[in-house]
Amino acid sequence: MPTTKRATVYFEAPIHRALRLKSAETDASVSDLVNAAVRRSLAEDAEDLAAFRERAKEPRLTFEAVVRDLKKRGKL
């Protein structure tokens, strides 16, 4: 089991209630639910950063160039 650290987190009342209800329905602790949500959020951030790195070498287009191209192709 990984080492755990204690933290105080304040939730809005409706969110806290929803967490407690989900915890009771799933037999998972509130801590487990919050840890899973944070892990998912961090994984999404990691995916976004990887996508930015992959696309960093793509040519940049200005907004004006995109609009000009759309007009040229009859899309605007």
N, C-alpha and C. Protein backbone atom coordinates (compact mmCIF):
# COMPACT_ATOMS: atom_id res chain seq x y z
N MET A 1 0.85 -1.19 0.00
CA MET A 1 0.00 0.00 0.00
C MET A 1 0.88 1.24 0.00
N PRO A 2 0.60 2.18 -0.90
CA PRO A 2 1.42 3.40 -0.94
C PRO A 2 1.26 4.22 0.34
N THR A 3 2.29 4.97 0.65
CA THR A 3 2.23 5.86 1.80
C THR A 3 1.17 6.91 1.55
N THR A 4 0.37 7.18 2.56
CA THR A 4 -0.67 8.20 2.41
C THR A 4 -0.31 9.41 3.25
N LYS A 5 -0.81 10.53 2.85
CA LYS A 5 -0.63 11.80 3.57
C LYS A 5 -2.00 12.36 3.89
N ARG A 6 -2.08 12.99 5.00
CA ARG A 6 -3.34 13.59 5.43
C ARG A 6 -3.41 15.03 4.94
N ALA A 7 -4.61 15.43 4.48
CA ALA A 7 -4.83 16.81 4.05
C ALA A 7 -6.25 17.21 4.44
N THR A 8 -6.43 18.47 4.71
CA THR A 8 -7.77 18.98 4.98
C THR A 8 -8.29 19.62 3.70
N VAL A 9 -9.45 19.16 3.28
CA VAL A 9 -10.06 19.67 2.07
C VAL A 9 -11.47 20.12 2.43
N TYR A 10 -11.86 21.29 1.97
CA TYR A 10 -13.20 21.81 2.23
C TYR A 10 -14.03 21.70 0.97
N PHE A 11 -15.18 21.04 1.08
CA PHE A 11 -16.08 20.87 -0.05
C PHE A 11 -17.32 21.72 0.17
N GLU A 12 -17.90 22.15 -0.92
CA GLU A 12 -19.21 22.78 -0.84
C GLU A 12 -20.18 21.72 -0.32
N ALA A 13 -21.17 22.14 0.45
CA ALA A 13 -22.08 21.20 1.10
C ALA A 13 -22.72 20.19 0.14
N PRO A 14 -23.23 20.62 -1.03
CA PRO A 14 -23.84 19.63 -1.94
C PRO A 14 -22.84 18.60 -2.46
N ILE A 15 -21.60 19.05 -2.70
CA ILE A 15 -20.58 18.11 -3.18
C ILE A 15 -20.23 17.12 -2.08
N HIS A 16 -20.10 17.61 -0.86
CA HIS A 16 -19.79 16.72 0.26
C HIS A 16 -20.89 15.69 0.45
N ARG A 17 -22.12 16.13 0.34
CA ARG A 17 -23.25 15.19 0.49
C ARG A 17 -23.22 14.15 -0.62
N ALA A 18 -22.97 14.59 -1.85
CA ALA A 18 -22.90 13.64 -2.97
C ALA A 18 -21.76 12.64 -2.76
N LEU A 19 -20.63 13.11 -2.27
CA LEU A 19 -19.52 12.20 -1.99
C LEU A 19 -19.89 11.17 -0.93
N ARG A 20 -20.54 11.63 0.13
CA ARG A 20 -20.94 10.70 1.20
C ARG A 20 -21.94 9.67 0.67
N LEU A 21 -22.90 10.12 -0.15
CA LEU A 21 -23.88 9.19 -0.72
C LEU A 21 -23.21 8.18 -1.64
N LYS A 22 -22.31 8.67 -2.50
CA LYS A 22 -21.62 7.76 -3.41
C LYS A 22 -20.75 6.78 -2.63
N SER A 23 -20.12 7.27 -1.58
CA SER A 23 -19.31 6.42 -0.72
C SER A 23 -20.15 5.29 -0.13
N ALA A 24 -21.33 5.62 0.36
CA ALA A 24 -22.21 4.61 0.95
C ALA A 24 -22.71 3.62 -0.09
N GLU A 25 -22.99 4.10 -1.30
CA GLU A 25 -23.51 3.23 -2.36
C GLU A 25 -22.45 2.30 -2.92
N THR A 26 -21.19 2.75 -2.93
CA THR A 26 -20.13 1.98 -3.58
C THR A 26 -19.22 1.26 -2.60
N ASP A 27 -19.43 1.46 -1.32
CA ASP A 27 -18.54 0.89 -0.29
C ASP A 27 -17.10 1.35 -0.46
N ALA A 28 -16.91 2.52 -1.06
CA ALA A 28 -15.58 3.14 -1.17
C ALA A 28 -15.57 4.33 -0.21
N SER A 29 -14.44 4.56 0.40
CA SER A 29 -14.35 5.70 1.31
C SER A 29 -14.35 7.01 0.51
N VAL A 30 -14.69 8.09 1.18
CA VAL A 30 -14.63 9.40 0.54
C VAL A 30 -13.20 9.65 0.07
N SER A 31 -12.23 9.27 0.88
CA SER A 31 -10.82 9.43 0.47
C SER A 31 -10.52 8.68 -0.81
N ASP A 32 -11.02 7.44 -0.93
CA ASP A 32 -10.80 6.67 -2.15
C ASP A 32 -11.43 7.36 -3.36
N LEU A 33 -12.64 7.88 -3.18
CA LEU A 33 -13.32 8.56 -4.28
C LEU A 33 -12.55 9.81 -4.71
N VAL A 34 -12.10 10.59 -3.73
CA VAL A 34 -11.37 11.82 -4.03
C VAL A 34 -10.02 11.49 -4.69
N ASN A 35 -9.32 10.50 -4.16
CA ASN A 35 -8.05 10.10 -4.75
C ASN A 35 -8.23 9.66 -6.20
N ALA A 36 -9.27 8.88 -6.48
CA ALA A 36 -9.53 8.43 -7.84
C ALA A 36 -9.82 9.61 -8.76
N ALA A 37 -10.61 10.56 -8.28
CA ALA A 37 -10.94 11.73 -9.10
C ALA A 37 -9.71 12.58 -9.39
N VAL A 38 -8.86 12.74 -8.38
CA VAL A 38 -7.63 13.53 -8.57
C VAL A 38 -6.70 12.80 -9.54
N ARG A 39 -6.59 11.48 -9.40
CA ARG A 39 -5.76 10.70 -10.34
C ARG A 39 -6.24 10.88 -11.77
N ARG A 40 -7.57 10.79 -11.97
CA ARG A 40 -8.13 10.97 -13.33
C ARG A 40 -7.81 12.36 -13.86
N SER A 41 -7.96 13.37 -13.02
CA SER A 41 -7.69 14.74 -13.46
C SER A 41 -6.23 14.92 -13.83
N LEU A 42 -5.33 14.38 -13.01
CA LEU A 42 -3.90 14.50 -13.30
C LEU A 42 -3.53 13.72 -14.56
N ALA A 43 -4.16 12.56 -14.78
CA ALA A 43 -3.90 11.79 -16.00
C ALA A 43 -4.35 12.56 -17.23
N GLU A 44 -5.50 13.23 -17.14
CA GLU A 44 -5.96 14.06 -18.26
C GLU A 44 -4.99 15.19 -18.53
N ASP A 45 -4.48 15.82 -17.47
CA ASP A 45 -3.48 16.88 -17.64
C ASP A 45 -2.23 16.34 -18.33
N ALA A 46 -1.79 15.16 -17.93
CA ALA A 46 -0.60 14.55 -18.54
C ALA A 46 -0.84 14.27 -20.02
N GLU A 47 -2.04 13.79 -20.35
CA GLU A 47 -2.38 13.56 -21.77
C GLU A 47 -2.36 14.87 -22.55
N ASP A 48 -2.93 15.92 -21.98
CA ASP A 48 -2.94 17.23 -22.64
C ASP A 48 -1.52 17.73 -22.87
N LEU A 49 -0.66 17.61 -21.86
CA LEU A 49 0.72 18.06 -22.01
C LEU A 49 1.45 17.26 -23.08
N ALA A 50 1.20 15.97 -23.14
CA ALA A 50 1.82 15.14 -24.17
C ALA A 50 1.36 15.57 -25.56
N ALA A 51 0.07 15.87 -25.69
CA ALA A 51 -0.46 16.33 -26.98
C ALA A 51 0.17 17.66 -27.37
N PHE A 52 0.34 18.57 -26.41
CA PHE A 52 0.98 19.86 -26.71
C PHE A 52 2.41 19.64 -27.19
N ARG A 53 3.14 18.73 -26.53
CA ARG A 53 4.52 18.45 -26.95
C ARG A 53 4.56 17.88 -28.35
N GLU A 54 3.64 16.95 -28.65
CA GLU A 54 3.60 16.34 -29.98
C GLU A 54 3.30 17.37 -31.06
N ARG A 55 2.45 18.34 -30.73
CA ARG A 55 2.03 19.31 -31.74
C ARG A 55 2.90 20.56 -31.77
N ALA A 56 3.89 20.64 -30.90
CA ALA A 56 4.72 21.85 -30.79
C ALA A 56 5.44 22.17 -32.09
N LYS A 57 5.76 21.16 -32.89
CA LYS A 57 6.51 21.39 -34.13
C LYS A 57 5.63 21.64 -35.34
N GLU A 58 4.31 21.59 -35.13
CA GLU A 58 3.41 21.87 -36.24
C GLU A 58 3.48 23.36 -36.59
N PRO A 59 3.29 23.67 -37.87
CA PRO A 59 3.30 25.09 -38.24
C PRO A 59 2.14 25.83 -37.56
N ARG A 60 2.41 27.05 -37.19
CA ARG A 60 1.38 27.86 -36.52
C ARG A 60 0.58 28.63 -37.56
N LEU A 61 -0.71 28.71 -37.32
CA LEU A 61 -1.59 29.47 -38.19
C LEU A 61 -2.15 30.64 -37.42
N THR A 62 -2.18 31.78 -38.07
CA THR A 62 -2.81 32.93 -37.43
C THR A 62 -4.31 32.85 -37.65
N PHE A 63 -5.04 33.51 -36.80
CA PHE A 63 -6.49 33.57 -36.94
C PHE A 63 -6.86 34.15 -38.30
N GLU A 64 -6.15 35.18 -38.69
CA GLU A 64 -6.44 35.83 -39.98
C GLU A 64 -6.23 34.86 -41.14
N ALA A 65 -5.21 34.04 -41.07
CA ALA A 65 -4.95 33.08 -42.15
C ALA A 65 -6.07 32.04 -42.22
N VAL A 66 -6.56 31.61 -41.08
CA VAL A 66 -7.65 30.63 -41.06
C VAL A 66 -8.91 31.25 -41.65
N VAL A 67 -9.23 32.47 -41.26
CA VAL A 67 -10.42 33.15 -41.80
C VAL A 67 -10.27 33.35 -43.31
N ARG A 68 -9.10 33.77 -43.74
CA ARG A 68 -8.85 33.97 -45.17
C ARG A 68 -9.06 32.67 -45.94
N ASP A 69 -8.55 31.55 -45.39
CA ASP A 69 -8.70 30.25 -46.05
C ASP A 69 -10.16 29.82 -46.08
N LEU A 70 -10.89 30.04 -45.00
CA LEU A 70 -12.32 29.68 -44.97
C LEU A 70 -13.10 30.47 -46.03
N LYS A 71 -12.79 31.77 -46.16
CA LYS A 71 -13.45 32.59 -47.17
C LYS A 71 -13.10 32.09 -48.57
N LYS A 72 -11.82 31.77 -48.77
CA LYS A 72 -11.36 31.30 -50.07
C LYS A 72 -12.07 30.01 -50.48
N ARG A 73 -12.36 29.14 -49.49
CA ARG A 73 -13.03 27.88 -49.79
C ARG A 73 -14.55 27.98 -49.73
N GLY A 74 -15.06 29.21 -49.56
CA GLY A 74 -16.51 29.42 -49.56
C GLY A 74 -17.21 28.94 -48.30
N LYS A 75 -16.47 28.80 -47.22
CA LYS A 75 -17.06 28.33 -45.95
C LYS A 75 -17.57 29.50 -45.12
N LEU A 76 -17.16 30.69 -45.45
CA LEU A 76 -17.64 31.90 -44.75
C LEU A 76 -18.24 32.86 -45.75
